[in-house]
Amino acid sequence: MGKVLLLLTSQPPKGGDIFASLLPFILLIGAFYFFILRPANKQRKQLQQLINNLKSGDRVITTGGIYGVVTAVKEKSVILKIADNVKIEVSKNAIAGLQQGSQPPITGK
């Protein structure tokens, strides 16, 4: 009988410290925000600003990998010159960024 009583009284108190058990999850969510979500939001804002500031003559690359020079900017699209006498119209959302300075000029060869 003494052993049964000892087992019942040796259990930890119910409730415990809930903050201590949730602390790892809170830290994980904080790390996720600072290492993944915050930089992605910053990059998305920079790309949107770039798209809003496009002008004729800008050298861009599309998400499909097409290099071109902006010849006209419309409300929701841009006209790109991709070769001599070749122009295409693409959505502004298809612009991935500006070309780096190392790209050769576009020619029809």
N, C-alpha and C. Protein backbone atom coordinates (compact mmCIF):
# COMPACT_ATOMS: atom_id res chain seq x y z
N MET A 1 0.81 -1.20 0.00
CA MET A 1 0.00 0.00 0.00
C MET A 1 0.85 1.26 0.00
N GLY A 2 1.97 1.23 0.67
CA GLY A 2 2.84 2.39 0.74
C GLY A 2 3.41 2.75 -0.61
N LYS A 3 3.67 1.73 -1.45
CA LYS A 3 4.22 2.01 -2.78
C LYS A 3 3.19 2.68 -3.67
N VAL A 4 1.96 2.31 -3.58
CA VAL A 4 0.91 2.91 -4.40
C VAL A 4 0.74 4.37 -4.02
N LEU A 5 0.78 4.65 -2.76
CA LEU A 5 0.65 6.02 -2.30
C LEU A 5 1.84 6.86 -2.75
N LEU A 6 3.02 6.26 -2.74
CA LEU A 6 4.22 6.96 -3.19
C LEU A 6 4.14 7.30 -4.67
N LEU A 7 3.62 6.40 -5.52
CA LEU A 7 3.49 6.66 -6.95
C LEU A 7 2.50 7.78 -7.23
N LEU A 8 1.44 7.83 -6.48
CA LEU A 8 0.44 8.86 -6.72
C LEU A 8 0.94 10.24 -6.30
N THR A 9 1.76 10.30 -5.28
CA THR A 9 2.23 11.59 -4.81
C THR A 9 3.48 12.06 -5.55
N SER A 10 4.14 11.21 -6.34
CA SER A 10 5.36 11.61 -7.04
C SER A 10 5.10 12.17 -8.44
N GLN A 11 3.86 12.29 -8.86
CA GLN A 11 3.55 12.86 -10.18
C GLN A 11 3.78 14.37 -10.15
N PRO A 12 4.23 14.94 -11.27
CA PRO A 12 4.44 16.39 -11.30
C PRO A 12 3.11 17.13 -11.20
N PRO A 13 3.13 18.34 -10.72
CA PRO A 13 1.89 19.10 -10.61
C PRO A 13 1.32 19.38 -12.00
N LYS A 14 0.02 19.38 -12.14
CA LYS A 14 -0.64 19.61 -13.43
C LYS A 14 -0.54 21.09 -13.80
N GLY A 15 -0.55 21.37 -15.08
CA GLY A 15 -0.49 22.75 -15.55
C GLY A 15 0.92 23.11 -15.99
N GLY A 16 1.86 23.06 -15.11
CA GLY A 16 3.26 23.36 -15.44
C GLY A 16 3.43 24.77 -15.99
N ASP A 17 4.61 25.07 -16.50
CA ASP A 17 4.89 26.37 -17.10
C ASP A 17 4.70 26.27 -18.60
N ILE A 18 3.59 26.77 -19.09
CA ILE A 18 3.25 26.65 -20.51
C ILE A 18 4.18 27.51 -21.37
N PHE A 19 4.67 28.63 -20.85
CA PHE A 19 5.58 29.48 -21.61
C PHE A 19 6.88 28.75 -21.94
N ALA A 20 7.38 27.99 -21.00
CA ALA A 20 8.63 27.26 -21.22
C ALA A 20 8.46 26.20 -22.31
N SER A 21 7.30 25.62 -22.40
CA SER A 21 7.09 24.60 -23.42
C SER A 21 6.83 25.22 -24.80
N LEU A 22 6.35 26.46 -24.84
CA LEU A 22 6.08 27.12 -26.12
C LEU A 22 7.27 27.95 -26.62
N LEU A 23 8.25 28.20 -25.79
CA LEU A 23 9.39 29.02 -26.16
C LEU A 23 10.12 28.54 -27.41
N PRO A 24 10.40 27.26 -27.59
CA PRO A 24 11.07 26.82 -28.83
C PRO A 24 10.26 27.13 -30.09
N PHE A 25 8.95 27.00 -30.01
CA PHE A 25 8.10 27.30 -31.17
C PHE A 25 8.09 28.80 -31.47
N ILE A 26 8.07 29.62 -30.44
CA ILE A 26 8.10 31.06 -30.63
C ILE A 26 9.43 31.48 -31.26
N LEU A 27 10.53 30.90 -30.80
CA LEU A 27 11.83 31.21 -31.37
C LEU A 27 11.93 30.75 -32.82
N LEU A 28 11.36 29.61 -33.14
CA LEU A 28 11.37 29.08 -34.51
C LEU A 28 10.58 30.00 -35.45
N ILE A 29 9.43 30.46 -35.01
CA ILE A 29 8.62 31.37 -35.82
C ILE A 29 9.36 32.69 -36.02
N GLY A 30 10.00 33.20 -34.98
CA GLY A 30 10.78 34.44 -35.10
C GLY A 30 11.93 34.29 -36.08
N ALA A 31 12.65 33.19 -36.00
CA ALA A 31 13.76 32.95 -36.92
C ALA A 31 13.25 32.82 -38.36
N PHE A 32 12.14 32.14 -38.56
CA PHE A 32 11.53 31.99 -39.88
C PHE A 32 11.21 33.36 -40.47
N TYR A 33 10.64 34.24 -39.65
CA TYR A 33 10.29 35.58 -40.12
C TYR A 33 11.54 36.36 -40.53
N PHE A 34 12.55 36.40 -39.67
CA PHE A 34 13.73 37.24 -39.93
C PHE A 34 14.64 36.69 -41.03
N PHE A 35 14.65 35.38 -41.24
CA PHE A 35 15.56 34.82 -42.24
C PHE A 35 14.89 34.52 -43.58
N ILE A 36 13.56 34.43 -43.61
CA ILE A 36 12.88 34.07 -44.86
C ILE A 36 11.87 35.12 -45.29
N LEU A 37 10.90 35.42 -44.47
CA LEU A 37 9.82 36.31 -44.88
C LEU A 37 10.26 37.76 -45.06
N ARG A 38 11.04 38.29 -44.15
CA ARG A 38 11.44 39.69 -44.21
C ARG A 38 12.31 39.98 -45.44
N PRO A 39 13.33 39.18 -45.74
CA PRO A 39 14.11 39.44 -46.96
C PRO A 39 13.29 39.27 -48.24
N ALA A 40 12.37 38.31 -48.26
CA ALA A 40 11.55 38.10 -49.46
C ALA A 40 10.63 39.30 -49.68
N ASN A 41 10.06 39.85 -48.62
CA ASN A 41 9.20 41.03 -48.76
C ASN A 41 10.01 42.23 -49.26
N LYS A 42 11.21 42.39 -48.76
CA LYS A 42 12.07 43.50 -49.18
C LYS A 42 12.41 43.37 -50.67
N GLN A 43 12.74 42.15 -51.11
CA GLN A 43 13.08 41.92 -52.51
C GLN A 43 11.87 42.16 -53.41
N ARG A 44 10.70 41.74 -52.97
CA ARG A 44 9.47 41.93 -53.75
C ARG A 44 9.16 43.42 -53.90
N LYS A 45 9.36 44.21 -52.84
CA LYS A 45 9.13 45.66 -52.91
C LYS A 45 10.12 46.32 -53.86
N GLN A 46 11.38 45.89 -53.85
CA GLN A 46 12.38 46.45 -54.75
C GLN A 46 12.03 46.16 -56.21
N LEU A 47 11.58 44.93 -56.50
CA LEU A 47 11.20 44.57 -57.87
C LEU A 47 9.99 45.37 -58.31
N GLN A 48 9.01 45.56 -57.43
CA GLN A 48 7.82 46.34 -57.78
C GLN A 48 8.20 47.79 -58.07
N GLN A 49 9.12 48.34 -57.30
CA GLN A 49 9.59 49.71 -57.53
C GLN A 49 10.30 49.79 -58.89
N LEU A 50 11.12 48.79 -59.20
CA LEU A 50 11.80 48.75 -60.49
C LEU A 50 10.80 48.72 -61.64
N ILE A 51 9.78 47.90 -61.51
CA ILE A 51 8.76 47.78 -62.56
C ILE A 51 8.01 49.10 -62.73
N ASN A 52 7.69 49.76 -61.62
CA ASN A 52 6.96 51.03 -61.69
C ASN A 52 7.81 52.14 -62.32
N ASN A 53 9.13 52.02 -62.24
CA ASN A 53 10.03 53.06 -62.77
C ASN A 53 10.61 52.71 -64.13
N LEU A 54 10.09 51.70 -64.82
CA LEU A 54 10.60 51.34 -66.15
C LEU A 54 10.40 52.49 -67.12
N LYS A 55 11.38 52.67 -67.97
CA LYS A 55 11.27 53.72 -68.99
C LYS A 55 11.88 53.19 -70.30
N SER A 56 11.60 53.87 -71.35
CA SER A 56 12.13 53.49 -72.66
C SER A 56 13.65 53.53 -72.62
N GLY A 57 14.28 52.49 -73.16
CA GLY A 57 15.74 52.39 -73.18
C GLY A 57 16.30 51.48 -72.10
N ASP A 58 15.52 51.11 -71.10
CA ASP A 58 16.00 50.21 -70.05
C ASP A 58 16.22 48.81 -70.64
N ARG A 59 17.33 48.19 -70.26
CA ARG A 59 17.64 46.82 -70.70
C ARG A 59 17.18 45.89 -69.59
N VAL A 60 16.26 44.98 -69.91
CA VAL A 60 15.64 44.11 -68.90
C VAL A 60 15.75 42.65 -69.29
N ILE A 61 15.45 41.80 -68.33
CA ILE A 61 15.32 40.36 -68.57
C ILE A 61 13.96 39.95 -68.02
N THR A 62 13.29 39.06 -68.75
CA THR A 62 11.98 38.59 -68.30
C THR A 62 12.14 37.31 -67.48
N THR A 63 11.06 36.91 -66.84
CA THR A 63 11.08 35.67 -66.06
C THR A 63 11.27 34.46 -66.96
N GLY A 64 10.98 34.60 -68.24
CA GLY A 64 11.20 33.52 -69.20
C GLY A 64 12.61 33.49 -69.76
N GLY A 65 13.44 34.45 -69.37
CA GLY A 65 14.83 34.47 -69.81
C GLY A 65 15.08 35.26 -71.08
N ILE A 66 14.13 36.08 -71.48
CA ILE A 66 14.29 36.89 -72.69
C ILE A 66 14.92 38.22 -72.33
N TYR A 67 16.03 38.54 -73.01
CA TYR A 67 16.69 39.83 -72.82
C TYR A 67 16.13 40.80 -73.85
N GLY A 68 15.88 42.04 -73.44
CA GLY A 68 15.37 43.01 -74.38
C GLY A 68 15.54 44.43 -73.88
N VAL A 69 15.24 45.37 -74.77
CA VAL A 69 15.29 46.79 -74.46
C VAL A 69 13.86 47.31 -74.49
N VAL A 70 13.48 48.03 -73.46
CA VAL A 70 12.12 48.59 -73.39
C VAL A 70 12.01 49.70 -74.42
N THR A 71 11.01 49.59 -75.30
CA THR A 71 10.78 50.64 -76.29
C THR A 71 9.54 51.45 -75.96
N ALA A 72 8.59 50.86 -75.23
CA ALA A 72 7.38 51.58 -74.83
C ALA A 72 6.85 50.96 -73.54
N VAL A 73 6.25 51.80 -72.72
CA VAL A 73 5.65 51.34 -71.46
C VAL A 73 4.17 51.65 -71.51
N LYS A 74 3.35 50.61 -71.32
CA LYS A 74 1.91 50.77 -71.26
C LYS A 74 1.46 50.60 -69.81
N GLU A 75 0.16 50.65 -69.60
CA GLU A 75 -0.37 50.56 -68.23
C GLU A 75 -0.02 49.23 -67.58
N LYS A 76 -0.24 48.12 -68.28
CA LYS A 76 0.00 46.79 -67.69
C LYS A 76 1.04 45.97 -68.43
N SER A 77 1.63 46.54 -69.47
CA SER A 77 2.61 45.78 -70.24
C SER A 77 3.72 46.71 -70.75
N VAL A 78 4.74 46.09 -71.30
CA VAL A 78 5.84 46.83 -71.93
C VAL A 78 6.14 46.20 -73.29
N ILE A 79 6.64 47.02 -74.19
CA ILE A 79 7.08 46.54 -75.50
C ILE A 79 8.59 46.40 -75.43
N LEU A 80 9.09 45.19 -75.75
CA LEU A 80 10.52 44.93 -75.71
C LEU A 80 11.04 44.70 -77.11
N LYS A 81 12.18 45.31 -77.41
CA LYS A 81 12.89 45.02 -78.65
C LYS A 81 13.90 43.93 -78.31
N ILE A 82 13.73 42.75 -78.93
CA ILE A 82 14.61 41.63 -78.60
C ILE A 82 15.63 41.35 -79.71
N ALA A 83 15.42 41.94 -80.89
CA ALA A 83 16.35 41.84 -82.01
C ALA A 83 15.97 42.93 -83.01
N ASP A 84 16.77 43.11 -84.05
CA ASP A 84 16.42 44.11 -85.06
C ASP A 84 15.08 43.74 -85.68
N ASN A 85 14.18 44.71 -85.73
CA ASN A 85 12.84 44.55 -86.29
C ASN A 85 12.00 43.48 -85.59
N VAL A 86 12.34 43.14 -84.35
CA VAL A 86 11.54 42.16 -83.59
C VAL A 86 11.18 42.79 -82.25
N LYS A 87 9.88 43.00 -82.07
CA LYS A 87 9.38 43.56 -80.80
C LYS A 87 8.30 42.65 -80.27
N ILE A 88 8.26 42.51 -78.96
CA ILE A 88 7.21 41.72 -78.32
C ILE A 88 6.60 42.53 -77.18
N GLU A 89 5.37 42.20 -76.86
CA GLU A 89 4.70 42.84 -75.74
C GLU A 89 4.60 41.82 -74.61
N VAL A 90 5.07 42.21 -73.43
CA VAL A 90 5.02 41.32 -72.27
C VAL A 90 4.38 42.07 -71.11
N SER A 91 3.80 41.30 -70.21
CA SER A 91 3.23 41.87 -69.00
C SER A 91 4.33 42.46 -68.13
N LYS A 92 4.02 43.53 -67.42
CA LYS A 92 5.00 44.11 -66.50
C LYS A 92 5.41 43.10 -65.42
N ASN A 93 4.50 42.21 -65.07
CA ASN A 93 4.80 41.19 -64.06
C ASN A 93 5.82 40.17 -64.55
N ALA A 94 6.07 40.12 -65.86
CA ALA A 94 7.04 39.18 -66.41
C ALA A 94 8.46 39.71 -66.34
N ILE A 95 8.64 40.96 -65.94
CA ILE A 95 9.98 41.54 -65.83
C ILE A 95 10.63 41.02 -64.56
N ALA A 96 11.80 40.38 -64.72
CA ALA A 96 12.51 39.83 -63.56
C ALA A 96 13.53 40.81 -63.01
N GLY A 97 14.04 41.71 -63.84
CA GLY A 97 15.01 42.68 -63.38
C GLY A 97 15.71 43.36 -64.53
N LEU A 98 16.59 44.27 -64.17
CA LEU A 98 17.40 44.95 -65.17
C LEU A 98 18.58 44.08 -65.54
N GLN A 99 19.04 44.21 -66.78
CA GLN A 99 20.22 43.46 -67.24
C GLN A 99 21.46 44.03 -66.57
N GLN A 100 22.42 43.17 -66.37
CA GLN A 100 23.72 43.61 -65.87
C GLN A 100 24.49 44.27 -67.00
N GLY A 101 25.46 45.10 -66.70
CA GLY A 101 26.22 45.83 -67.70
C GLY A 101 27.07 44.95 -68.60
N SER A 102 27.23 43.67 -68.28
CA SER A 102 28.11 42.80 -69.06
C SER A 102 27.45 42.22 -70.30
N GLN A 103 26.17 42.48 -70.50
CA GLN A 103 25.47 41.93 -71.65
C GLN A 103 25.85 42.71 -72.92
N PRO A 104 26.09 41.99 -74.04
CA PRO A 104 26.39 42.68 -75.30
C PRO A 104 25.13 43.36 -75.83
N PRO A 105 25.27 44.37 -76.70
CA PRO A 105 24.09 45.03 -77.26
C PRO A 105 23.31 44.06 -78.14
N ILE A 106 22.01 44.28 -78.24
CA ILE A 106 21.15 43.40 -79.03
C ILE A 106 21.33 43.73 -80.50
N THR A 107 21.65 42.72 -81.31
CA THR A 107 21.79 42.87 -82.76
C THR A 107 21.01 41.79 -83.45
N GLY A 108 20.78 41.93 -84.73
CA GLY A 108 20.00 40.97 -85.48
C GLY A 108 20.83 39.85 -86.08
N LYS A 109 22.08 39.70 -85.70
CA LYS A 109 22.96 38.69 -86.30
C LYS A 109 22.66 37.32 -85.78
